N, C-alpha and C. Protein backbone atom coordinates (compact mmCIF):
# COMPACT_ATOMS: atom_id res chain seq x y z
N UNK A 1 14.11 -18.27 -2.27
CA UNK A 1 15.02 -17.14 -2.69
C UNK A 1 14.54 -15.75 -1.66
N UNK A 2 15.42 -15.07 -1.42
CA UNK A 2 15.22 -13.79 -0.71
C UNK A 2 14.82 -12.76 -1.65
N UNK A 3 13.73 -12.22 -1.28
CA UNK A 3 13.03 -11.04 -1.93
C UNK A 3 12.77 -9.79 -1.12
N UNK A 4 12.29 -8.75 -1.80
CA UNK A 4 11.98 -7.34 -0.93
C UNK A 4 10.79 -7.64 -0.36
N UNK A 5 10.49 -6.81 0.64
CA UNK A 5 9.19 -6.94 1.30
C UNK A 5 7.84 -6.69 0.33
N UNK A 6 8.14 -5.90 -0.58
CA UNK A 6 6.99 -5.58 -1.68
C UNK A 6 6.72 -6.97 -2.34
N UNK A 7 7.62 -7.73 -2.70
CA UNK A 7 7.36 -8.95 -3.59
C UNK A 7 6.16 -9.81 -3.06
N UNK A 8 6.11 -10.32 -1.76
CA UNK A 8 5.09 -10.92 -1.34
C UNK A 8 3.71 -10.35 -1.28
N UNK A 9 3.64 -8.92 -1.16
CA UNK A 9 2.56 -8.19 -1.20
C UNK A 9 1.89 -8.20 -2.71
N UNK A 10 2.83 -8.21 -3.70
CA UNK A 10 2.65 -8.45 -5.05
C UNK A 10 1.98 -9.65 -5.50
N UNK A 11 2.35 -10.68 -4.94
CA UNK A 11 1.94 -12.09 -5.32
C UNK A 11 0.39 -12.35 -5.14
N UNK A 12 -0.31 -12.67 -6.07
CA UNK A 12 -1.76 -13.06 -6.22
C UNK A 12 -2.02 -13.97 -4.98
N UNK A 13 -2.79 -13.62 -4.10
CA UNK A 13 -3.34 -14.55 -3.02
C UNK A 13 -3.63 -15.96 -3.45
N UNK A 14 -4.22 -16.06 -4.76
CA UNK A 14 -4.64 -17.45 -4.94
C UNK A 14 -3.51 -18.29 -5.34
N UNK A 15 -2.32 -17.71 -5.76
CA UNK A 15 -1.10 -18.41 -5.88
C UNK A 15 -0.25 -19.10 -4.76
N UNK A 16 -0.77 -18.48 -3.46
CA UNK A 16 -0.03 -19.06 -2.39
C UNK A 16 -0.64 -20.39 -1.90
N UNK A 17 0.38 -21.29 -1.75
CA UNK A 17 -0.03 -22.40 -1.15
C UNK A 17 0.03 -22.69 0.39
N UNK A 18 1.18 -22.07 0.74
CA UNK A 18 1.58 -22.30 2.17
C UNK A 18 2.42 -21.03 2.78
N UNK A 19 2.18 -20.60 3.79
CA UNK A 19 2.77 -19.63 4.50
C UNK A 19 3.47 -20.23 5.84
N UNK A 20 5.01 -20.08 6.08
CA UNK A 20 5.32 -20.62 7.18
C UNK A 20 6.16 -19.58 7.73
N UNK A 21 6.08 -19.37 9.20
CA UNK A 21 6.76 -18.29 9.69
C UNK A 21 7.88 -19.10 10.71
N UNK A 22 9.27 -18.82 10.40
CA UNK A 22 10.31 -19.31 11.17
C UNK A 22 10.86 -18.16 12.11
N UNK A 23 10.99 -18.33 13.28
CA UNK A 23 11.50 -17.21 14.17
C UNK A 23 12.58 -17.90 15.08
N UNK A 24 13.41 -16.98 15.60
CA UNK A 24 14.57 -17.28 16.54
C UNK A 24 15.41 -18.43 16.05
N UNK A 25 15.63 -19.25 16.78
CA UNK A 25 16.55 -20.34 16.57
C UNK A 25 16.35 -21.21 15.29
N UNK A 26 15.02 -21.41 14.87
CA UNK A 26 14.88 -22.13 13.79
C UNK A 26 15.19 -21.21 12.67
N UNK A 27 14.95 -20.00 12.52
CA UNK A 27 15.36 -19.33 11.37
C UNK A 27 16.96 -19.06 11.32
N UNK A 28 17.55 -18.81 12.57
CA UNK A 28 19.02 -18.59 12.41
C UNK A 28 19.73 -19.87 12.02
N UNK A 29 19.20 -21.09 12.41
CA UNK A 29 19.92 -22.24 12.12
C UNK A 29 19.78 -22.61 10.59
N UNK A 30 18.72 -22.10 9.90
CA UNK A 30 18.73 -22.48 8.40
C UNK A 30 19.24 -21.14 7.78
N UNK A 31 19.05 -20.00 8.03
CA UNK A 31 19.27 -18.87 7.12
C UNK A 31 20.42 -17.95 7.71
N UNK A 32 21.10 -18.43 8.89
CA UNK A 32 22.22 -17.68 9.60
C UNK A 32 21.90 -16.36 10.05
N UNK A 33 22.72 -15.36 9.99
CA UNK A 33 22.48 -13.95 10.44
C UNK A 33 21.24 -13.44 9.86
N UNK A 34 20.85 -13.69 8.52
CA UNK A 34 19.82 -13.09 7.85
C UNK A 34 18.51 -13.52 8.48
N UNK A 35 18.46 -14.58 9.21
CA UNK A 35 17.25 -15.21 9.84
C UNK A 35 17.18 -14.70 11.33
N UNK A 36 17.96 -13.87 11.72
CA UNK A 36 17.89 -13.49 13.01
C UNK A 36 16.55 -12.81 13.59
N UNK A 37 15.92 -12.11 12.61
CA UNK A 37 14.78 -11.32 13.01
C UNK A 37 13.42 -12.20 12.54
N UNK A 38 13.74 -13.35 12.07
CA UNK A 38 12.61 -14.27 11.62
C UNK A 38 12.42 -14.32 10.06
N UNK A 39 11.93 -15.27 9.58
CA UNK A 39 11.61 -15.45 8.18
C UNK A 39 10.32 -15.85 7.91
N UNK A 40 9.92 -15.28 6.77
CA UNK A 40 8.52 -15.62 6.33
C UNK A 40 8.81 -16.35 4.99
N UNK A 41 8.33 -17.68 4.95
CA UNK A 41 8.47 -18.65 3.87
C UNK A 41 7.17 -18.74 3.20
N UNK A 42 7.00 -18.25 1.90
CA UNK A 42 5.79 -18.54 1.12
C UNK A 42 6.02 -19.46 -0.04
N UNK A 43 5.35 -20.47 0.03
CA UNK A 43 5.42 -21.42 -1.12
C UNK A 43 4.16 -21.23 -2.09
N UNK A 44 4.54 -21.08 -3.38
CA UNK A 44 3.39 -20.86 -4.32
C UNK A 44 3.04 -22.12 -4.99
N UNK A 45 1.94 -22.38 -5.46
CA UNK A 45 1.47 -23.42 -6.06
C UNK A 45 2.21 -23.78 -7.36
N UNK A 46 2.59 -24.96 -7.63
CA UNK A 46 3.37 -25.45 -8.74
C UNK A 46 2.30 -25.28 -9.99
N UNK A 47 2.81 -24.91 -11.06
CA UNK A 47 2.00 -24.96 -12.16
C UNK A 47 1.65 -26.44 -12.70
N UNK A 48 0.54 -26.47 -13.37
CA UNK A 48 0.01 -27.70 -14.02
C UNK A 48 1.13 -28.30 -14.99
N UNK A 49 1.32 -29.47 -14.87
CA UNK A 49 2.33 -30.12 -15.88
C UNK A 49 1.81 -30.07 -17.30
N UNK A 50 2.59 -29.47 -18.27
CA UNK A 50 2.33 -29.50 -19.66
C UNK A 50 1.50 -28.51 -20.19
N UNK A 51 1.25 -27.54 -19.35
CA UNK A 51 0.27 -26.48 -19.87
C UNK A 51 0.76 -25.06 -19.44
N UNK A 52 0.53 -23.99 -20.21
CA UNK A 52 0.88 -22.60 -19.94
C UNK A 52 -0.28 -22.02 -19.14
N UNK A 53 -0.15 -21.80 -18.01
CA UNK A 53 -1.25 -21.15 -17.10
C UNK A 53 -1.05 -19.60 -17.23
N UNK A 54 -2.23 -19.10 -17.27
CA UNK A 54 -2.38 -17.63 -17.39
C UNK A 54 -3.24 -17.08 -16.23
N UNK A 55 -2.70 -16.20 -15.34
CA UNK A 55 -3.58 -15.82 -14.10
C UNK A 55 -3.67 -14.24 -14.13
N UNK A 56 -4.73 -13.70 -13.85
CA UNK A 56 -4.83 -12.39 -13.74
C UNK A 56 -5.76 -12.05 -12.61
N UNK A 57 -5.42 -11.07 -11.75
CA UNK A 57 -6.31 -10.59 -10.99
C UNK A 57 -6.10 -9.11 -10.60
N UNK A 58 -7.27 -8.58 -10.29
CA UNK A 58 -7.37 -7.13 -10.43
C UNK A 58 -8.26 -6.70 -8.98
N UNK A 59 -7.78 -5.53 -8.54
CA UNK A 59 -8.47 -5.17 -7.44
C UNK A 59 -8.75 -3.57 -7.36
N UNK A 60 -9.77 -3.13 -6.86
CA UNK A 60 -10.04 -1.52 -6.98
C UNK A 60 -9.87 -1.35 -5.27
N UNK A 61 -9.11 -0.40 -5.03
CA UNK A 61 -8.76 -0.09 -3.52
C UNK A 61 -9.32 1.20 -3.18
N UNK A 62 -9.98 1.46 -2.35
CA UNK A 62 -10.53 2.78 -1.55
C UNK A 62 -10.11 2.89 -0.35
N UNK A 63 -9.54 3.96 -0.16
CA UNK A 63 -9.15 4.52 1.23
C UNK A 63 -9.82 5.78 1.70
N UNK A 64 -10.25 5.77 2.91
CA UNK A 64 -10.97 6.84 3.42
C UNK A 64 -10.53 7.29 4.80
N UNK A 65 -10.43 8.57 5.00
CA UNK A 65 -9.79 8.77 6.52
C UNK A 65 -10.87 8.76 7.38
N UNK A 66 -10.52 8.28 8.64
CA UNK A 66 -11.38 8.06 9.88
C UNK A 66 -11.17 9.42 10.55
N UNK A 67 -12.13 10.13 10.52
CA UNK A 67 -12.12 11.51 11.27
C UNK A 67 -13.17 11.34 12.28
N UNK A 68 -13.44 10.32 12.80
CA UNK A 68 -14.61 10.36 13.88
C UNK A 68 -14.18 10.85 15.08
N UNK A 69 -13.04 10.90 15.45
CA UNK A 69 -12.43 11.19 16.73
C UNK A 69 -12.28 12.80 16.78
N UNK A 70 -12.41 13.42 15.76
CA UNK A 70 -12.39 15.00 15.81
C UNK A 70 -13.68 15.39 15.97
N UNK A 71 -13.62 16.58 16.80
CA UNK A 71 -14.94 17.29 16.93
C UNK A 71 -14.59 18.83 16.90
N UNK A 72 -14.39 19.40 15.74
CA UNK A 72 -14.02 20.82 15.65
C UNK A 72 -15.23 21.79 15.57
N UNK A 73 -14.86 22.88 16.02
CA UNK A 73 -16.09 24.06 16.05
C UNK A 73 -16.36 24.31 14.66
N UNK A 74 -17.61 24.85 14.48
CA UNK A 74 -17.85 25.50 13.17
C UNK A 74 -17.59 26.79 13.18
N UNK A 75 -17.84 27.77 12.22
CA UNK A 75 -17.47 29.00 12.26
C UNK A 75 -18.14 30.03 13.03
N UNK A 76 -19.44 29.79 13.45
CA UNK A 76 -19.83 30.58 14.46
C UNK A 76 -19.69 30.26 15.78
N UNK A 77 -19.44 28.87 16.01
CA UNK A 77 -18.97 28.53 17.59
C UNK A 77 -17.61 29.31 17.77
N UNK A 78 -16.89 29.21 16.91
CA UNK A 78 -15.58 29.59 16.92
C UNK A 78 -15.53 31.16 17.29
N UNK A 79 -16.39 31.83 16.54
CA UNK A 79 -16.45 33.29 16.63
C UNK A 79 -17.11 33.60 18.10
N UNK A 80 -17.97 32.90 18.50
CA UNK A 80 -18.63 32.99 19.70
C UNK A 80 -17.59 33.01 20.89
N UNK A 81 -16.62 32.07 20.78
CA UNK A 81 -15.79 31.58 21.87
C UNK A 81 -14.75 32.81 22.01
N UNK A 82 -14.21 33.25 20.51
CA UNK A 82 -13.24 34.34 20.43
C UNK A 82 -13.80 35.55 21.02
N UNK A 83 -15.20 35.91 20.88
CA UNK A 83 -15.78 37.11 21.49
C UNK A 83 -15.93 36.93 23.09
N UNK A 84 -16.24 35.77 23.57
CA UNK A 84 -16.32 35.41 24.87
C UNK A 84 -14.80 35.76 25.67
N UNK A 85 -13.90 35.27 24.84
CA UNK A 85 -12.69 35.51 25.43
C UNK A 85 -12.06 36.89 25.27
N UNK A 86 -12.89 37.87 24.77
CA UNK A 86 -12.37 39.19 24.64
C UNK A 86 -11.41 39.39 23.38
N UNK A 87 -11.33 38.61 22.59
CA UNK A 87 -10.45 38.76 21.58
C UNK A 87 -10.79 39.99 20.55
N UNK A 88 -12.20 40.45 20.44
CA UNK A 88 -12.67 41.59 19.63
C UNK A 88 -12.85 42.86 20.53
N UNK A 89 -12.58 42.84 21.82
CA UNK A 89 -12.85 43.97 22.82
C UNK A 89 -12.26 45.28 22.16
N UNK A 90 -11.16 45.21 21.40
CA UNK A 90 -10.52 46.26 21.12
C UNK A 90 -10.78 46.83 19.63
N UNK A 91 -11.41 45.81 18.81
CA UNK A 91 -11.63 45.90 17.51
C UNK A 91 -12.99 45.34 17.12
N UNK A 92 -14.31 46.02 17.49
CA UNK A 92 -15.52 45.67 17.07
C UNK A 92 -15.71 45.60 15.59
N UNK A 93 -15.15 46.45 14.74
CA UNK A 93 -15.33 46.24 13.52
C UNK A 93 -14.92 44.98 12.82
N UNK A 94 -13.71 44.44 13.43
CA UNK A 94 -13.28 43.00 12.93
C UNK A 94 -14.21 42.08 13.18
N UNK A 95 -14.77 42.10 14.56
CA UNK A 95 -15.90 41.27 14.90
C UNK A 95 -17.03 41.27 13.94
N UNK A 96 -17.44 42.32 13.72
CA UNK A 96 -18.60 42.55 12.84
C UNK A 96 -18.46 42.11 11.44
N UNK A 97 -17.19 42.22 10.91
CA UNK A 97 -16.86 41.96 9.55
C UNK A 97 -16.70 40.28 9.65
N UNK A 98 -16.40 39.75 10.64
CA UNK A 98 -16.37 38.08 10.56
C UNK A 98 -17.86 37.67 10.81
N UNK A 99 -18.56 38.23 11.54
CA UNK A 99 -19.97 37.87 11.83
C UNK A 99 -20.79 38.02 10.54
N UNK A 100 -20.48 38.98 9.78
CA UNK A 100 -21.10 39.15 8.48
C UNK A 100 -20.64 37.89 7.46
N UNK A 101 -19.49 37.64 7.47
CA UNK A 101 -19.04 36.43 6.75
C UNK A 101 -19.54 35.17 7.16
N UNK A 102 -19.63 34.87 8.57
CA UNK A 102 -20.33 33.71 9.11
C UNK A 102 -21.95 33.71 8.59
N UNK A 103 -22.53 34.87 8.84
CA UNK A 103 -23.98 34.86 8.36
C UNK A 103 -24.23 34.60 6.82
N UNK A 104 -23.21 34.91 6.08
CA UNK A 104 -23.39 34.62 4.64
C UNK A 104 -22.85 33.18 4.31
N UNK A 105 -22.48 32.42 5.14
CA UNK A 105 -22.12 31.11 4.92
C UNK A 105 -20.87 30.54 5.02
N UNK A 106 -19.90 31.36 5.29
CA UNK A 106 -18.44 31.03 5.30
C UNK A 106 -18.36 30.14 6.36
N UNK A 107 -17.74 28.85 6.17
CA UNK A 107 -17.47 27.85 7.07
C UNK A 107 -16.64 27.01 6.68
N UNK A 108 -15.24 26.97 6.77
CA UNK A 108 -14.26 26.30 6.12
C UNK A 108 -14.24 24.87 7.12
N UNK A 109 -14.20 23.72 6.49
CA UNK A 109 -14.09 22.30 6.97
C UNK A 109 -12.51 22.11 6.84
N UNK A 110 -11.91 22.44 7.96
CA UNK A 110 -10.38 22.13 7.98
C UNK A 110 -9.82 20.88 7.70
N UNK A 111 -10.60 19.81 8.07
CA UNK A 111 -10.26 18.52 7.83
C UNK A 111 -10.40 18.08 6.69
N UNK A 112 -11.32 18.78 5.68
CA UNK A 112 -11.48 18.27 4.19
C UNK A 112 -10.48 18.86 3.37
N UNK A 113 -9.63 19.97 3.90
CA UNK A 113 -8.70 20.50 3.06
C UNK A 113 -7.47 19.63 2.91
N UNK A 114 -6.84 18.82 3.76
CA UNK A 114 -5.75 17.93 3.56
C UNK A 114 -6.18 16.48 3.21
N UNK A 115 -7.50 16.03 3.45
CA UNK A 115 -7.75 14.75 3.32
C UNK A 115 -8.59 14.53 2.06
N UNK A 116 -8.60 13.21 1.61
CA UNK A 116 -9.47 12.86 0.47
C UNK A 116 -9.80 11.31 0.61
N UNK A 117 -10.68 10.90 -0.22
CA UNK A 117 -10.94 9.40 -0.46
C UNK A 117 -10.19 9.14 -1.58
N UNK A 118 -9.06 8.12 -1.25
CA UNK A 118 -8.26 7.78 -2.35
C UNK A 118 -8.64 6.54 -3.10
N UNK A 119 -8.51 6.60 -4.35
CA UNK A 119 -9.00 5.50 -5.16
C UNK A 119 -7.85 4.98 -6.03
N UNK A 120 -7.56 3.75 -5.76
CA UNK A 120 -6.33 3.07 -6.49
C UNK A 120 -6.85 1.73 -7.19
N UNK A 121 -5.91 1.11 -7.67
CA UNK A 121 -5.99 -0.19 -8.39
C UNK A 121 -4.91 -1.04 -8.22
N UNK A 122 -5.12 -2.35 -8.27
CA UNK A 122 -3.95 -3.36 -8.11
C UNK A 122 -4.24 -4.39 -9.31
N UNK A 123 -3.19 -4.69 -10.20
CA UNK A 123 -3.31 -5.69 -11.17
C UNK A 123 -2.19 -6.77 -11.24
N UNK A 124 -2.42 -7.89 -11.36
CA UNK A 124 -1.32 -8.88 -11.27
C UNK A 124 -1.70 -9.83 -12.45
N UNK A 125 -0.67 -10.28 -13.16
CA UNK A 125 -0.63 -11.05 -14.38
C UNK A 125 0.45 -11.93 -14.27
N UNK A 126 0.29 -13.30 -14.48
CA UNK A 126 1.44 -14.35 -14.45
C UNK A 126 1.12 -15.32 -15.58
N UNK A 127 2.27 -15.76 -16.03
CA UNK A 127 2.23 -16.81 -17.02
C UNK A 127 3.20 -17.83 -16.61
N UNK A 128 2.91 -19.24 -16.27
CA UNK A 128 3.88 -19.96 -15.90
C UNK A 128 3.37 -21.46 -16.40
N UNK A 129 4.51 -22.35 -16.20
CA UNK A 129 4.16 -23.81 -16.56
C UNK A 129 5.36 -24.74 -16.30
N UNK A 130 5.32 -25.96 -16.29
CA UNK A 130 6.19 -26.74 -16.03
C UNK A 130 6.25 -28.20 -16.88
N UNK A 131 7.47 -28.95 -16.95
CA UNK A 131 7.47 -30.07 -17.48
C UNK A 131 8.16 -31.05 -16.33
N UNK A 132 8.58 -32.07 -16.66
CA UNK A 132 9.19 -33.02 -15.75
C UNK A 132 10.43 -32.55 -14.92
N UNK A 133 11.09 -31.82 -15.79
CA UNK A 133 12.52 -31.23 -15.08
C UNK A 133 12.51 -29.63 -15.00
N UNK A 134 11.38 -29.03 -15.28
CA UNK A 134 11.72 -27.46 -15.41
C UNK A 134 10.48 -26.73 -14.99
N UNK A 135 10.48 -25.68 -14.18
CA UNK A 135 9.42 -24.73 -13.80
C UNK A 135 9.92 -23.43 -14.53
N UNK A 136 8.85 -22.66 -15.15
CA UNK A 136 9.30 -21.37 -15.69
C UNK A 136 7.97 -20.43 -15.66
N UNK A 137 8.41 -19.19 -15.58
CA UNK A 137 7.29 -18.20 -15.61
C UNK A 137 7.65 -16.77 -15.68
N UNK A 138 6.64 -15.99 -15.86
CA UNK A 138 6.78 -14.81 -15.82
C UNK A 138 5.68 -13.97 -15.10
N UNK A 139 5.89 -12.87 -14.27
CA UNK A 139 4.92 -12.12 -13.59
C UNK A 139 5.02 -10.71 -13.71
N UNK A 140 4.03 -10.11 -13.78
CA UNK A 140 3.78 -8.61 -13.81
C UNK A 140 2.94 -8.19 -12.61
N UNK A 141 3.09 -6.97 -12.00
CA UNK A 141 2.09 -6.45 -11.05
C UNK A 141 2.33 -4.88 -11.12
N UNK A 142 1.19 -4.21 -10.92
CA UNK A 142 0.98 -2.78 -10.99
C UNK A 142 0.15 -2.42 -9.78
N UNK A 143 0.60 -1.59 -8.87
CA UNK A 143 -0.12 -1.21 -7.81
C UNK A 143 -0.25 0.30 -7.74
N UNK A 144 -1.31 1.00 -7.94
CA UNK A 144 -1.40 2.43 -7.99
C UNK A 144 -2.23 2.80 -6.61
N UNK A 145 -1.44 3.39 -5.68
CA UNK A 145 -2.03 3.73 -4.39
C UNK A 145 -2.31 5.16 -4.27
N UNK A 146 -3.40 5.42 -3.66
CA UNK A 146 -3.76 7.05 -3.26
C UNK A 146 -3.95 6.90 -1.75
N UNK A 147 -3.18 7.74 -1.18
CA UNK A 147 -3.43 7.71 0.30
C UNK A 147 -4.59 8.71 0.63
N UNK A 148 -4.94 8.78 1.99
CA UNK A 148 -6.06 9.59 2.49
C UNK A 148 -5.48 11.07 2.44
N UNK A 149 -4.24 11.41 2.52
CA UNK A 149 -3.62 12.62 2.53
C UNK A 149 -3.46 13.33 1.29
N UNK A 150 -4.10 14.28 1.00
CA UNK A 150 -4.08 15.00 -0.67
C UNK A 150 -2.55 14.97 -0.91
N UNK A 151 -2.16 14.51 -2.15
CA UNK A 151 -0.84 14.58 -2.69
C UNK A 151 0.04 13.27 -2.33
N UNK A 152 -0.60 12.34 -1.66
CA UNK A 152 0.25 11.03 -1.13
C UNK A 152 -0.06 10.16 -2.14
N UNK A 153 0.76 9.69 -3.19
CA UNK A 153 0.59 8.73 -4.13
C UNK A 153 1.77 7.71 -4.21
N UNK A 154 1.51 6.52 -4.63
CA UNK A 154 2.58 5.54 -4.85
C UNK A 154 2.24 4.67 -6.03
N UNK A 155 3.12 4.62 -6.96
CA UNK A 155 3.12 3.55 -7.96
C UNK A 155 3.92 2.78 -8.02
N UNK A 156 3.80 1.46 -7.88
CA UNK A 156 4.62 0.18 -7.82
C UNK A 156 4.51 -0.60 -9.11
N UNK A 157 5.59 -0.76 -9.92
CA UNK A 157 5.64 -1.74 -11.09
C UNK A 157 6.69 -2.83 -10.72
N UNK A 158 6.26 -3.96 -10.78
CA UNK A 158 7.07 -5.27 -10.65
C UNK A 158 6.98 -6.26 -11.78
N UNK A 159 8.25 -6.43 -12.33
CA UNK A 159 8.33 -7.55 -13.60
C UNK A 159 9.32 -8.29 -13.18
N UNK A 160 9.02 -9.76 -13.41
CA UNK A 160 10.02 -10.61 -13.00
C UNK A 160 9.80 -11.99 -13.75
N UNK A 161 10.89 -12.80 -13.84
CA UNK A 161 10.78 -14.21 -14.50
C UNK A 161 11.74 -15.10 -13.91
N UNK A 162 11.55 -16.52 -14.03
CA UNK A 162 12.09 -17.39 -13.29
C UNK A 162 12.23 -18.78 -14.23
N UNK A 163 13.26 -19.36 -13.87
CA UNK A 163 13.57 -20.81 -14.52
C UNK A 163 14.17 -21.81 -13.33
N UNK A 164 13.47 -22.69 -13.10
CA UNK A 164 13.84 -23.68 -12.01
C UNK A 164 14.13 -24.95 -12.74
N UNK A 165 15.32 -25.66 -12.66
CA UNK A 165 15.52 -27.01 -13.29
C UNK A 165 16.17 -27.84 -12.35
N UNK A 166 16.03 -29.07 -12.35
CA UNK A 166 16.62 -30.06 -11.55
C UNK A 166 17.52 -30.96 -12.39
N UNK A 167 18.78 -31.12 -12.04
CA UNK A 167 19.68 -32.05 -12.83
C UNK A 167 20.13 -33.19 -11.75
N UNK A 168 19.57 -34.31 -11.78
CA UNK A 168 19.87 -35.31 -10.75
C UNK A 168 19.43 -34.61 -9.45
N UNK A 169 20.35 -34.64 -8.53
CA UNK A 169 19.97 -34.15 -7.26
C UNK A 169 20.23 -32.63 -6.98
N UNK A 170 20.56 -32.02 -8.03
CA UNK A 170 20.99 -30.47 -7.99
C UNK A 170 19.71 -29.67 -8.52
N UNK A 171 19.28 -28.68 -7.58
CA UNK A 171 18.33 -27.82 -8.18
C UNK A 171 18.91 -26.67 -8.62
N UNK A 172 18.73 -26.00 -9.79
CA UNK A 172 19.16 -24.68 -10.03
C UNK A 172 17.96 -23.80 -10.28
N UNK A 173 18.12 -22.63 -9.57
CA UNK A 173 17.06 -21.62 -9.79
C UNK A 173 17.63 -20.29 -10.32
N UNK A 174 16.94 -19.72 -11.18
CA UNK A 174 17.36 -18.37 -11.74
C UNK A 174 15.95 -17.50 -11.46
N UNK A 175 16.06 -16.35 -10.97
CA UNK A 175 14.99 -15.45 -10.94
C UNK A 175 15.48 -13.97 -11.07
N UNK A 176 14.83 -13.35 -12.00
CA UNK A 176 15.36 -12.06 -12.33
C UNK A 176 14.09 -11.11 -12.13
N UNK A 177 14.32 -9.93 -11.51
CA UNK A 177 13.05 -8.83 -11.26
C UNK A 177 13.50 -7.62 -11.33
N UNK A 178 12.41 -6.78 -11.76
CA UNK A 178 12.67 -5.33 -11.85
C UNK A 178 11.53 -4.67 -11.13
N UNK A 179 11.78 -4.06 -10.28
CA UNK A 179 10.95 -3.10 -9.38
C UNK A 179 10.98 -1.82 -9.45
N UNK A 180 10.03 -0.94 -9.73
CA UNK A 180 10.26 0.34 -9.72
C UNK A 180 8.96 1.09 -8.94
N UNK A 181 9.38 1.99 -8.30
CA UNK A 181 8.34 2.78 -7.20
C UNK A 181 8.61 4.16 -7.42
N UNK A 182 7.51 4.85 -7.70
CA UNK A 182 7.38 6.24 -7.72
C UNK A 182 6.44 6.75 -6.60
N UNK A 183 6.88 7.59 -5.84
CA UNK A 183 6.13 7.99 -4.79
C UNK A 183 6.00 9.65 -4.63
N UNK A 184 5.04 10.10 -4.20
CA UNK A 184 4.86 11.57 -3.94
C UNK A 184 4.38 11.72 -2.44
N UNK A 185 4.87 12.62 -1.61
CA UNK A 185 4.47 12.66 -0.18
C UNK A 185 3.62 13.97 -0.20
N UNK A 186 2.78 13.78 0.76
CA UNK A 186 1.72 14.88 0.80
C UNK A 186 2.38 16.26 1.54
N UNK A 187 1.97 17.35 0.96
CA UNK A 187 2.51 18.54 1.55
C UNK A 187 1.91 18.83 3.07
N UNK A 188 0.92 18.15 3.45
CA UNK A 188 0.33 18.27 4.69
C UNK A 188 0.90 17.44 5.89
N UNK A 189 1.91 16.41 5.34
CA UNK A 189 2.41 15.64 6.29
C UNK A 189 1.94 14.14 6.31
């Protein structure tokens, strides 16, 4: 069945049995125009016959900014460059005021203002089972993502259920899903 891009990301990796990538002619011949850019087929493991399986997985997600390529001046270096460039030649009182602030410990870390270490979590719960003629299941996932930019947050909730049955040579599949995503962008870009 065709699903959104978020659905494969929400599937617990322990439930994936096989992933097949179809591209170009193979994808187009099977899926028509929808397969023109390629198809990702994810086959999940069949539940054990006659039992109700309950699966839970949880993850803690930590995101940190990589600021190693930045080499910014501290406050005293910046003040020294401004003085060497003649910025304070017409206003020595402004220079003295800023020098006093630097000597008193004022030093803004400009990379720390828009960034943070984001801490999030991901949870996945599924209930599924099967018998000779039917597969059935429910799944729920919640993904709370905090980005490295302050104010960048995303919460995804996904709930779905399915029933697959076979009548002679006919396979009937029903799948219903509810996906909600709340996102906030950072004011820093």
